Amino acid sequence: MFPMPSWPLLRVAIAGESMAPTLSDGEWWIAWRTRKCRPGDVVVFDHPTRSGMVAVKRVVRPDRDGWWVEGDNPEHSADSRHFGPLPRARVLGRLVWRYSPWPPRRLTR
């Protein structure tokens, strides 16, 4: 459905408050392109209901139809509570490293 490109890294700009306080508006992150993830990972994905939009959410649990994803700031997040389980094929990658603003920071596992 969504083929994975050959380049293993993806730049991601954070916009909005849905992942606060973990991620902040204006941060830039590197995502490792993979569809493999586990609960607790923060993933970037093609939004299932907003064509052409990518989103960043936390994987909460596996679901029979994909992954259940939620924002860390539920009052400002459109996530699986609104669109249901995220199909695995829509996952583009897992956030691993913030490179802006300086100093860099990794997401811990």
PDB file of N, CA and C in Angstrom:
ATOM      1  N   MET A   1       0.831  -1.191   0.000  1.00  0.00           N
ATOM      2  CA  MET A   1       0.000   0.000   0.000  1.00  0.00           C
ATOM      3  C   MET A   1       0.878   1.259   0.000  1.00  0.00           C
ATOM      4  N   PHE A   2       1.785   1.367   0.965  1.00  0.00           N
ATOM      5  CA  PHE A   2       2.709   2.490   1.052  1.00  0.00           C
ATOM      6  C   PHE A   2       4.120   1.917   1.034  1.00  0.00           C
ATOM      7  N   PRO A   3       4.790   1.903  -0.118  1.00  0.00           N
ATOM      8  CA  PRO A   3       6.129   1.298  -0.178  1.00  0.00           C
ATOM      9  C   PRO A   3       7.134   2.102   0.640  1.00  0.00           C
ATOM     10  N   MET A   4       8.075   1.403   1.254  1.00  0.00           N
ATOM     11  CA  MET A   4       9.122   2.054   2.033  1.00  0.00           C
ATOM     12  C   MET A   4      10.238   2.488   1.095  1.00  0.00           C
ATOM     13  N   PRO A   5      10.651   3.778   1.156  1.00  0.00           N
ATOM     14  CA  PRO A   5      11.771   4.236   0.341  1.00  0.00           C
ATOM     15  C   PRO A   5      13.079   3.579   0.776  1.00  0.00           C
ATOM     16  N   SER A   6      14.093   3.678  -0.081  1.00  0.00           N
ATOM     17  CA  SER A   6      15.354   3.024   0.236  1.00  0.00           C
ATOM     18  C   SER A   6      16.171   3.784   1.284  1.00  0.00           C
ATOM     19  N   TRP A   7      16.025   5.100   1.386  1.00  0.00           N
ATOM     20  CA  TRP A   7      16.785   5.887   2.362  1.00  0.00           C
ATOM     21  C   TRP A   7      16.241   5.604   3.758  1.00  0.00           C
ATOM     22  N   PRO A   8      17.079   5.236   4.731  1.00  0.00           N
ATOM     23  CA  PRO A   8      16.580   4.776   6.026  1.00  0.00           C
ATOM     24  C   PRO A   8      16.165   5.873   7.009  1.00  0.00           C
ATOM     25  N   LEU A   9      16.459   7.147   6.684  1.00  0.00           N
ATOM     26  CA  LEU A   9      16.145   8.220   7.618  1.00  0.00           C
ATOM     27  C   LEU A   9      15.102   9.168   7.042  1.00  0.00           C
ATOM     28  N   LEU A  10      14.337   9.772   7.941  1.00  0.00           N
ATOM     29  CA  LEU A  10      13.273  10.690   7.555  1.00  0.00           C
ATOM     30  C   LEU A  10      13.309  11.881   8.502  1.00  0.00           C
ATOM     31  N   ARG A  11      13.304  13.112   7.960  1.00  0.00           N
ATOM     32  CA  ARG A  11      13.233  14.316   8.803  1.00  0.00           C
ATOM     33  C   ARG A  11      11.777  14.592   9.136  1.00  0.00           C
ATOM     34  N   VAL A  12      11.526  14.945  10.400  1.00  0.00           N
ATOM     35  CA  VAL A  12      10.156  15.178  10.861  1.00  0.00           C
ATOM     36  C   VAL A  12      10.106  16.493  11.625  1.00  0.00           C
ATOM     37  N   ALA A  13       9.211  17.390  11.216  1.00  0.00           N
ATOM     38  CA  ALA A  13       8.977  18.641  11.931  1.00  0.00           C
ATOM     39  C   ALA A  13       7.761  18.458  12.836  1.00  0.00           C
ATOM     40  N   ILE A  14       7.900  18.839  14.088  1.00  0.00           N
ATOM     41  CA  ILE A  14       6.794  18.733  15.034  1.00  0.00           C
ATOM     42  C   ILE A  14       5.975  20.017  14.965  1.00  0.00           C
ATOM     43  N   ALA A  15       4.673  19.871  14.759  1.00  0.00           N
ATOM     44  CA  ALA A  15       3.767  21.013  14.705  1.00  0.00           C
ATOM     45  C   ALA A  15       2.563  20.706  15.587  1.00  0.00           C
ATOM     46  N   GLY A  16       2.278  21.587  16.511  1.00  0.00           N
ATOM     47  CA  GLY A  16       1.125  21.410  17.373  1.00  0.00           C
ATOM     48  C   GLY A  16       1.489  20.911  18.754  1.00  0.00           C
ATOM     49  N   GLU A  17       0.465  20.685  19.566  1.00  0.00           N
ATOM     50  CA  GLU A  17       0.636  20.343  20.977  1.00  0.00           C
ATOM     51  C   GLU A  17       0.235  18.921  21.327  1.00  0.00           C
ATOM     52  N   SER A  18      -0.066  18.087  20.341  1.00  0.00           N
ATOM     53  CA  SER A  18      -0.621  16.765  20.640  1.00  0.00           C
ATOM     54  C   SER A  18       0.331  15.833  21.374  1.00  0.00           C
ATOM     55  N   MET A  19       1.651  16.076  21.277  1.00  0.00           N
ATOM     56  CA  MET A  19       2.615  15.200  21.940  1.00  0.00           C
ATOM     57  C   MET A  19       3.332  15.876  23.109  1.00  0.00           C
ATOM     58  N   ALA A  20       2.841  17.050  23.529  1.00  0.00           N
ATOM     59  CA  ALA A  20       3.442  17.738  24.685  1.00  0.00           C
ATOM     60  C   ALA A  20       3.207  16.905  25.944  1.00  0.00           C
ATOM     61  N   PRO A  21       4.128  16.837  26.857  1.00  0.00           N
ATOM     62  CA  PRO A  21       5.385  17.559  26.939  1.00  0.00           C
ATOM     63  C   PRO A  21       6.566  16.818  26.304  1.00  0.00           C
ATOM     64  N   THR A  22       6.357  15.619  25.758  1.00  0.00           N
ATOM     65  CA  THR A  22       7.462  14.841  25.174  1.00  0.00           C
ATOM     66  C   THR A  22       8.080  15.544  23.976  1.00  0.00           C
ATOM     67  N   LEU A  23       7.234  16.026  23.065  1.00  0.00           N
ATOM     68  CA  LEU A  23       7.673  16.725  21.864  1.00  0.00           C
ATOM     69  C   LEU A  23       7.040  18.107  21.853  1.00  0.00           C
ATOM     70  N   SER A  24       7.793  19.090  21.378  1.00  0.00           N
ATOM     71  CA  SER A  24       7.309  20.463  21.370  1.00  0.00           C
ATOM     72  C   SER A  24       7.196  21.000  19.954  1.00  0.00           C
ATOM     73  N   ASP A  25       6.239  21.885  19.763  1.00  0.00           N
ATOM     74  CA  ASP A  25       6.047  22.568  18.493  1.00  0.00           C
ATOM     75  C   ASP A  25       7.357  23.236  18.074  1.00  0.00           C
ATOM     76  N   GLY A  26       7.772  23.026  16.830  1.00  0.00           N
ATOM     77  CA  GLY A  26       8.994  23.631  16.317  1.00  0.00           C
ATOM     78  C   GLY A  26      10.230  22.759  16.392  1.00  0.00           C
ATOM     79  N   GLU A  27      10.147  21.611  17.049  1.00  0.00           N
ATOM     80  CA  GLU A  27      11.300  20.706  17.092  1.00  0.00           C
ATOM     81  C   GLU A  27      11.431  19.962  15.765  1.00  0.00           C
ATOM     82  N   TRP A  28      12.676  19.565  15.455  1.00  0.00           N
ATOM     83  CA  TRP A  28      12.965  18.739  14.286  1.00  0.00           C
ATOM     84  C   TRP A  28      13.578  17.435  14.761  1.00  0.00           C
ATOM     85  N   TRP A  29      13.070  16.324  14.233  1.00  0.00           N
ATOM     86  CA  TRP A  29      13.496  14.984  14.637  1.00  0.00           C
ATOM     87  C   TRP A  29      13.912  14.167  13.418  1.00  0.00           C
ATOM     88  N   ILE A  30      14.718  13.149  13.688  1.00  0.00           N
ATOM     89  CA  ILE A  30      15.046  12.129  12.696  1.00  0.00           C
ATOM     90  C   ILE A  30      14.267  10.871  13.082  1.00  0.00           C
ATOM     91  N   ALA A  31      13.624  10.287  12.088  1.00  0.00           N
ATOM     92  CA  ALA A  31      12.920   9.019  12.288  1.00  0.00           C
ATOM     93  C   ALA A  31      13.650   7.938  11.499  1.00  0.00           C
ATOM     94  N   TRP A  32      13.738   6.773  12.086  1.00  0.00           N
ATOM     95  CA  TRP A  32      14.288   5.598  11.411  1.00  0.00           C
ATOM     96  C   TRP A  32      13.130   4.956  10.661  1.00  0.00           C
ATOM     97  N   ARG A  33      13.250   4.833   9.331  1.00  0.00           N
ATOM     98  CA  ARG A  33      12.167   4.255   8.531  1.00  0.00           C
ATOM     99  C   ARG A  33      12.026   2.768   8.842  1.00  0.00           C
ATOM    100  N   THR A  34      10.907   2.446   9.414  1.00  0.00           N
ATOM    101  CA  THR A  34      10.583   1.056   9.732  1.00  0.00           C
ATOM    102  C   THR A  34       9.095   0.963  10.010  1.00  0.00           C
ATOM    103  N   ARG A  35       8.547  -0.195   9.789  1.00  0.00           N
ATOM    104  CA  ARG A  35       7.156  -0.436  10.175  1.00  0.00           C
ATOM    105  C   ARG A  35       7.098  -1.245  11.460  1.00  0.00           C
ATOM    106  N   LYS A  36       8.273  -1.651  11.933  1.00  0.00           N
ATOM    107  CA  LYS A  36       8.342  -2.414  13.181  1.00  0.00           C
ATOM    108  C   LYS A  36       8.334  -1.442  14.353  1.00  0.00           C
ATOM    109  N   CYS A  37       7.427  -1.639  15.248  1.00  0.00           N
ATOM    110  CA  CYS A  37       7.374  -0.799  16.442  1.00  0.00           C
ATOM    111  C   CYS A  37       6.769  -1.611  17.575  1.00  0.00           C
ATOM    112  N   ARG A  38       6.839  -1.031  18.767  1.00  0.00           N
ATOM    113  CA  ARG A  38       6.294  -1.706  19.935  1.00  0.00           C
ATOM    114  C   ARG A  38       5.685  -0.646  20.846  1.00  0.00           C
ATOM    115  N   PRO A  39       4.866  -1.061  21.795  1.00  0.00           N
ATOM    116  CA  PRO A  39       4.253  -0.089  22.701  1.00  0.00           C
ATOM    117  C   PRO A  39       5.312   0.794  23.355  1.00  0.00           C
ATOM    118  N   GLY A  40       5.016   2.092  23.386  1.00  0.00           N
ATOM    119  CA  GLY A  40       5.933   3.075  23.939  1.00  0.00           C
ATOM    120  C   GLY A  40       6.701   3.844  22.874  1.00  0.00           C
ATOM    121  N   ASP A  41       6.845   3.274  21.679  1.00  0.00           N
ATOM    122  CA  ASP A  41       7.539   3.968  20.602  1.00  0.00           C
ATOM    123  C   ASP A  41       6.719   5.164  20.125  1.00  0.00           C
ATOM    124  N   VAL A  42       7.409   6.212  19.688  1.00  0.00           N
ATOM    125  CA  VAL A  42       6.760   7.361  19.060  1.00  0.00           C
ATOM    126  C   VAL A  42       6.987   7.212  17.563  1.00  0.00           C
ATOM    127  N   VAL A  43       5.892   7.137  16.810  1.00  0.00           N
ATOM    128  CA  VAL A  43       5.970   6.846  15.384  1.00  0.00           C
ATOM    129  C   VAL A  43       5.417   7.995  14.543  1.00  0.00           C
ATOM    130  N   VAL A  44       5.921   8.078  13.324  1.00  0.00           N
ATOM    131  CA  VAL A  44       5.386   8.998  12.320  1.00  0.00           C
ATOM    132  C   VAL A  44       4.646   8.132  11.308  1.00  0.00           C
ATOM    133  N   PHE A  45       3.477   8.619  10.847  1.00  0.00           N
ATOM    134  CA  PHE A  45       2.641   7.803   9.969  1.00  0.00           C
ATOM    135  C   PHE A  45       1.816   8.676   9.041  1.00  0.00           C
ATOM    136  N   ASP A  46       1.383   8.070   7.936  1.00  0.00           N
ATOM    137  CA  ASP A  46       0.424   8.717   7.048  1.00  0.00           C
ATOM    138  C   ASP A  46      -0.917   8.706   7.755  1.00  0.00           C
ATOM    139  N   HIS A  47      -1.496   9.893   7.950  1.00  0.00           N
ATOM    140  CA  HIS A  47      -2.755  10.001   8.685  1.00  0.00           C
ATOM    141  C   HIS A  47      -3.861   9.269   7.931  1.00  0.00           C
ATOM    142  N   PRO A  48      -4.635   8.425   8.609  1.00  0.00           N
ATOM    143  CA  PRO A  48      -5.643   7.621   7.916  1.00  0.00           C
ATOM    144  C   PRO A  48      -6.866   8.397   7.428  1.00  0.00           C
ATOM    145  N   THR A  49      -7.152   9.577   8.003  1.00  0.00           N
ATOM    146  CA  THR A  49      -8.355  10.305   7.597  1.00  0.00           C
ATOM    147  C   THR A  49      -8.064  11.665   6.977  1.00  0.00           C
ATOM    148  N   ARG A  50      -6.818  12.120   7.024  1.00  0.00           N
ATOM    149  CA  ARG A  50      -6.442  13.416   6.440  1.00  0.00           C
ATOM    150  C   ARG A  50      -5.419  13.178   5.333  1.00  0.00           C
ATOM    151  N   SER A  51      -5.886  13.168   4.107  1.00  0.00           N
ATOM    152  CA  SER A  51      -5.046  12.850   2.957  1.00  0.00           C
ATOM    153  C   SER A  51      -3.842  13.788   2.853  1.00  0.00           C
ATOM    154  N   GLY A  52      -2.661  13.202   2.659  1.00  0.00           N
ATOM    155  CA  GLY A  52      -1.437  13.966   2.481  1.00  0.00           C
ATOM    156  C   GLY A  52      -0.806  14.468   3.767  1.00  0.00           C
ATOM    157  N   MET A  53      -1.387  14.166   4.909  1.00  0.00           N
ATOM    158  CA  MET A  53      -0.849  14.634   6.188  1.00  0.00           C
ATOM    159  C   MET A  53      -0.128  13.498   6.898  1.00  0.00           C
ATOM    160  N   VAL A  54       1.024  13.824   7.507  1.00  0.00           N
ATOM    161  CA  VAL A  54       1.693  12.863   8.367  1.00  0.00           C
ATOM    162  C   VAL A  54       1.502  13.323   9.810  1.00  0.00           C
ATOM    163  N   ALA A  55       1.495  12.381  10.721  1.00  0.00           N
ATOM    164  CA  ALA A  55       1.286  12.679  12.134  1.00  0.00           C
ATOM    165  C   ALA A  55       2.281  11.904  12.978  1.00  0.00           C
ATOM    166  N   VAL A  56       2.436  12.340  14.217  1.00  0.00           N
ATOM    167  CA  VAL A  56       3.341  11.698  15.169  1.00  0.00           C
ATOM    168  C   VAL A  56       2.542  11.386  16.428  1.00  0.00           C
ATOM    169  N   LYS A  57       2.550  10.124  16.834  1.00  0.00           N
ATOM    170  CA  LYS A  57       1.841   9.679  18.048  1.00  0.00           C
ATOM    171  C   LYS A  57       2.627   8.552  18.699  1.00  0.00           C
ATOM    172  N   ARG A  58       2.213   8.223  19.920  1.00  0.00           N
ATOM    173  CA  ARG A  58       2.830   7.129  20.670  1.00  0.00           C
ATOM    174  C   ARG A  58       2.028   5.850  20.464  1.00  0.00           C
ATOM    175  N   VAL A  59       2.738   4.740  20.237  1.00  0.00           N
ATOM    176  CA  VAL A  59       2.091   3.433  20.138  1.00  0.00           C
ATOM    177  C   VAL A  59       1.709   2.999  21.552  1.00  0.00           C
ATOM    178  N   VAL A  60       0.424   2.729  21.751  1.00  0.00           N
ATOM    179  CA  VAL A  60      -0.064   2.339  23.068  1.00  0.00           C
ATOM    180  C   VAL A  60      -0.133   0.822  23.198  1.00  0.00           C
ATOM    181  N   ARG A  61      -0.674   0.179  22.151  1.00  0.00           N
ATOM    182  CA  ARG A  61      -0.800  -1.284  22.202  1.00  0.00           C
ATOM    183  C   ARG A  61      -1.062  -1.820  20.793  1.00  0.00           C
ATOM    184  N   PRO A  62      -0.738  -3.090  20.589  1.00  0.00           N
ATOM    185  CA  PRO A  62      -1.103  -3.698  19.310  1.00  0.00           C
ATOM    186  C   PRO A  62      -2.602  -3.940  19.277  1.00  0.00           C
ATOM    187  N   ASP A  63      -3.147  -3.939  18.093  1.00  0.00           N
ATOM    188  CA  ASP A  63      -4.560  -4.202  17.894  1.00  0.00           C
ATOM    189  C   ASP A  63      -4.673  -5.218  16.761  1.00  0.00           C
ATOM    190  N   ARG A  64      -5.732  -5.950  16.731  1.00  0.00           N
ATOM    191  CA  ARG A  64      -5.930  -6.953  15.680  1.00  0.00           C
ATOM    192  C   ARG A  64      -5.789  -6.333  14.287  1.00  0.00           C
ATOM    193  N   ASP A  65      -6.219  -5.078  14.130  1.00  0.00           N
ATOM    194  CA  ASP A  65      -6.194  -4.405  12.832  1.00  0.00           C
ATOM    195  C   ASP A  65      -5.012  -3.461  12.651  1.00  0.00           C
ATOM    196  N   GLY A  66      -4.081  -3.416  13.589  1.00  0.00           N
ATOM    197  CA  GLY A  66      -2.941  -2.516  13.462  1.00  0.00           C
ATOM    198  C   GLY A  66      -2.408  -2.109  14.825  1.00  0.00           C
ATOM    199  N   TRP A  67      -2.142  -0.800  14.978  1.00  0.00           N
ATOM    200  CA  TRP A  67      -1.617  -0.256  16.226  1.00  0.00           C
ATOM    201  C   TRP A  67      -2.587   0.757  16.793  1.00  0.00           C
ATOM    202  N   TRP A  68      -2.751   0.745  18.107  1.00  0.00           N
ATOM    203  CA  TRP A  68      -3.518   1.786  18.781  1.00  0.00           C
ATOM    204  C   TRP A  68      -2.523   2.881  19.133  1.00  0.00           C
ATOM    205  N   VAL A  69      -2.727   4.100  18.600  1.00  0.00           N
ATOM    206  CA  VAL A  69      -1.800   5.214  18.833  1.00  0.00           C
ATOM    207  C   VAL A  69      -2.548   6.366  19.503  1.00  0.00           C
ATOM    208  N   GLU A  70      -1.852   7.042  20.412  1.00  0.00           N
ATOM    209  CA  GLU A  70      -2.441   8.190  21.105  1.00  0.00           C
ATOM    210  C   GLU A  70      -1.389   9.265  21.289  1.00  0.00           C
ATOM    211  N   GLY A  71      -1.845  10.516  21.326  1.00  0.00           N
ATOM    212  CA  GLY A  71      -0.975  11.633  21.640  1.00  0.00           C
ATOM    213  C   GLY A  71      -0.759  11.697  23.149  1.00  0.00           C
ATOM    214  N   ASP A  72       0.388  12.254  23.564  1.00  0.00           N
ATOM    215  CA  ASP A  72       0.669  12.382  24.994  1.00  0.00           C
ATOM    216  C   ASP A  72      -0.171  13.475  25.643  1.00  0.00           C
ATOM    217  N   ASN A  73      -0.769  14.352  24.846  1.00  0.00           N
ATOM    218  CA  ASN A  73      -1.610  15.438  25.329  1.00  0.00           C
ATOM    219  C   ASN A  73      -3.020  15.207  24.786  1.00  0.00           C
ATOM    220  N   PRO A  74      -3.831  14.389  25.472  1.00  0.00           N
ATOM    221  CA  PRO A  74      -5.099  13.927  24.905  1.00  0.00           C
ATOM    222  C   PRO A  74      -6.098  15.026  24.551  1.00  0.00           C
ATOM    223  N   GLU A  75      -6.046  16.148  25.229  1.00  0.00           N
ATOM    224  CA  GLU A  75      -6.997  17.231  24.933  1.00  0.00           C
ATOM    225  C   GLU A  75      -6.717  17.893  23.587  1.00  0.00           C
ATOM    226  N   HIS A  76      -5.511  17.727  23.054  1.00  0.00           N
ATOM    227  CA  HIS A  76      -5.128  18.361  21.792  1.00  0.00           C
ATOM    228  C   HIS A  76      -4.717  17.330  20.746  1.00  0.00           C
ATOM    229  N   SER A  77      -5.242  16.116  20.831  1.00  0.00           N
ATOM    230  CA  SER A  77      -4.780  15.059  19.941  1.00  0.00           C
ATOM    231  C   SER A  77      -5.940  14.361  19.233  1.00  0.00           C
ATOM    232  N   ALA A  78      -5.829  14.261  17.906  1.00  0.00           N
ATOM    233  CA  ALA A  78      -6.726  13.413  17.117  1.00  0.00           C
ATOM    234  C   ALA A  78      -5.948  12.128  16.862  1.00  0.00           C
ATOM    235  N   ASP A  79      -6.389  11.037  17.482  1.00  0.00           N
ATOM    236  CA  ASP A  79      -5.627   9.794  17.442  1.00  0.00           C
ATOM    237  C   ASP A  79      -6.559   8.603  17.303  1.00  0.00           C
ATOM    238  N   SER A  80      -6.127   7.434  17.728  1.00  0.00           N
ATOM    239  CA  SER A  80      -6.940   6.221  17.560  1.00  0.00           C
ATOM    240  C   SER A  80      -8.288   6.306  18.262  1.00  0.00           C
ATOM    241  N   ARG A  81      -8.422   7.167  19.236  1.00  0.00           N
ATOM    242  CA  ARG A  81      -9.734   7.360  19.874  1.00  0.00           C
ATOM    243  C   ARG A  81     -10.710   8.001  18.893  1.00  0.00           C
ATOM    244  N   HIS A  82     -10.180   8.626  17.831  1.00  0.00           N
ATOM    245  CA  HIS A  82     -11.015   9.266  16.819  1.00  0.00           C
ATOM    246  C   HIS A  82     -11.100   8.454  15.525  1.00  0.00           C
ATOM    247  N   PHE A  83      -9.970   7.849  15.088  1.00  0.00           N
ATOM    248  CA  PHE A  83      -9.968   7.147  13.801  1.00  0.00           C
ATOM    249  C   PHE A  83      -9.768   5.645  13.919  1.00  0.00           C
ATOM    250  N   GLY A  84      -9.690   5.111  15.135  1.00  0.00           N
ATOM    251  CA  GLY A  84      -9.544   3.672  15.319  1.00  0.00           C
ATOM    252  C   GLY A  84      -8.096   3.226  15.187  1.00  0.00           C
ATOM    253  N   PRO A  85      -7.875   1.922  15.116  1.00  0.00           N
ATOM    254  CA  PRO A  85      -6.501   1.398  15.007  1.00  0.00           C
ATOM    255  C   PRO A  85      -5.818   1.896  13.734  1.00  0.00           C
ATOM    256  N   LEU A  86      -4.531   2.162  13.857  1.00  0.00           N
ATOM    257  CA  LEU A  86      -3.724   2.606  12.729  1.00  0.00           C
ATOM    258  C   LEU A  86      -3.227   1.378  11.971  1.00  0.00           C
ATOM    259  N   PRO A  87      -3.580   1.254  10.682  1.00  0.00           N
ATOM    260  CA  PRO A  87      -3.065   0.114   9.909  1.00  0.00           C
ATOM    261  C   PRO A  87      -1.534   0.120   9.886  1.00  0.00           C
ATOM    262  N   ARG A  88      -0.938  -1.040  10.072  1.00  0.00           N
ATOM    263  CA  ARG A  88       0.528  -1.147  10.119  1.00  0.00           C
ATOM    264  C   ARG A  88       1.195  -0.586   8.869  1.00  0.00           C
ATOM    265  N   ALA A  89       0.553  -0.698   7.712  1.00  0.00           N
ATOM    266  CA  ALA A  89       1.126  -0.223   6.457  1.00  0.00           C
ATOM    267  C   ALA A  89       1.271   1.297   6.411  1.00  0.00           C
ATOM    268  N   ARG A  90       0.606   2.016   7.284  1.00  0.00           N
ATOM    269  CA  ARG A  90       0.684   3.485   7.294  1.00  0.00           C
ATOM    270  C   ARG A  90       1.871   4.003   8.112  1.00  0.00           C
ATOM    271  N   VAL A  91       2.494   3.142   8.920  1.00  0.00           N
ATOM    272  CA  VAL A  91       3.644   3.570   9.722  1.00  0.00           C
ATOM    273  C   VAL A  91       4.826   3.841   8.794  1.00  0.00           C
ATOM    274  N   LEU A  92       5.429   5.024   8.953  1.00  0.00           N
ATOM    275  CA  LEU A  92       6.581   5.409   8.139  1.00  0.00           C
ATOM    276  C   LEU A  92       7.896   5.232   8.885  1.00  0.00           C
ATOM    277  N   GLY A  93       7.866   5.379  10.204  1.00  0.00           N
ATOM    278  CA  GLY A  93       9.101   5.251  10.956  1.00  0.00           C
ATOM    279  C   GLY A  93       8.916   5.546  12.430  1.00  0.00           C
ATOM    280  N   ARG A  94      10.025   5.407  13.161  1.00  0.00           N
ATOM    281  CA  ARG A  94      10.053   5.602  14.613  1.00  0.00           C
ATOM    282  C   ARG A  94      10.998   6.758  14.933  1.00  0.00           C
ATOM    283  N   LEU A  95      10.539   7.746  15.704  1.00  0.00           N
ATOM    284  CA  LEU A  95      11.401   8.865  16.072  1.00  0.00           C
ATOM    285  C   LEU A  95      12.543   8.379  16.943  1.00  0.00           C
ATOM    286  N   VAL A  96      13.758   8.870  16.640  1.00  0.00           N
ATOM    287  CA  VAL A  96      14.920   8.428  17.404  1.00  0.00           C
ATOM    288  C   VAL A  96      15.796   9.560  17.917  1.00  0.00           C
ATOM    289  N   TRP A  97      15.826  10.727  17.223  1.00  0.00           N
ATOM    290  CA  TRP A  97      16.807  11.740  17.594  1.00  0.00           C
ATOM    291  C   TRP A  97      16.316  13.140  17.253  1.00  0.00           C
ATOM    292  N   ARG A  98      16.325  14.033  18.248  1.00  0.00           N
ATOM    293  CA  ARG A  98      15.998  15.439  17.986  1.00  0.00           C
ATOM    294  C   ARG A  98      17.286  16.172  17.657  1.00  0.00           C
ATOM    295  N   TYR A  99      17.301  16.885  16.537  1.00  0.00           N
ATOM    296  CA  TYR A  99      18.503  17.624  16.174  1.00  0.00           C
ATOM    297  C   TYR A  99      18.314  19.133  16.225  1.00  0.00           C
ATOM    298  N   SER A 100      17.097  19.609  16.428  1.00  0.00           N
ATOM    299  CA  SER A 100      16.876  21.033  16.582  1.00  0.00           C
ATOM    300  C   SER A 100      15.635  21.233  17.438  1.00  0.00           C
ATOM    301  N   PRO A 101      15.634  22.136  18.392  1.00  0.00           N
ATOM    302  CA  PRO A 101      16.726  23.026  18.761  1.00  0.00           C
ATOM    303  C   PRO A 101      17.847  22.269  19.474  1.00  0.00           C
ATOM    304  N   TRP A 102      19.011  22.898  19.457  1.00  0.00           N
ATOM    305  CA  TRP A 102      20.213  22.349  20.061  1.00  0.00           C
ATOM    306  C   TRP A 102      20.092  22.407  21.567  1.00  0.00           C
ATOM    307  N   PRO A 103      20.600  21.524  22.386  1.00  0.00           N
ATOM    308  CA  PRO A 103      21.398  20.349  22.065  1.00  0.00           C
ATOM    309  C   PRO A 103      20.503  19.184  21.649  1.00  0.00           C
ATOM    310  N   PRO A 104      21.074  18.231  20.925  1.00  0.00           N
ATOM    311  CA  PRO A 104      20.306  17.076  20.474  1.00  0.00           C
ATOM    312  C   PRO A 104      19.822  16.219  21.639  1.00  0.00           C
ATOM    313  N   ARG A 105      18.802  15.429  21.382  1.00  0.00           N
ATOM    314  CA  ARG A 105      18.233  14.553  22.415  1.00  0.00           C
ATOM    315  C   ARG A 105      17.669  13.307  21.749  1.00  0.00           C
ATOM    316  N   ARG A 106      17.843  12.172  22.432  1.00  0.00           N
ATOM    317  CA  ARG A 106      17.280  10.900  21.938  1.00  0.00           C
ATOM    318  C   ARG A 106      16.028  10.558  22.728  1.00  0.00           C
ATOM    319  N   LEU A 107      15.123   9.861  22.078  1.00  0.00           N
ATOM    320  CA  LEU A 107      14.001   9.273  22.807  1.00  0.00           C
ATOM    321  C   LEU A 107      14.505   7.984  23.432  1.00  0.00           C
ATOM    322  N   THR A 108      14.222   7.779  24.673  1.00  0.00           N
ATOM    323  CA  THR A 108      14.691   6.553  25.346  1.00  0.00           C
ATOM    324  C   THR A 108      13.724   5.427  25.099  1.00  0.00           C
ATOM    325  N   ARG A 109      14.235   4.240  25.157  1.00  0.00           N
ATOM    326  CA  ARG A 109      13.397   3.041  24.984  1.00  0.00           C
ATOM    327  C   ARG A 109      13.237   2.346  26.291  1.00  0.00           C
TER     328      ARG A 109
END
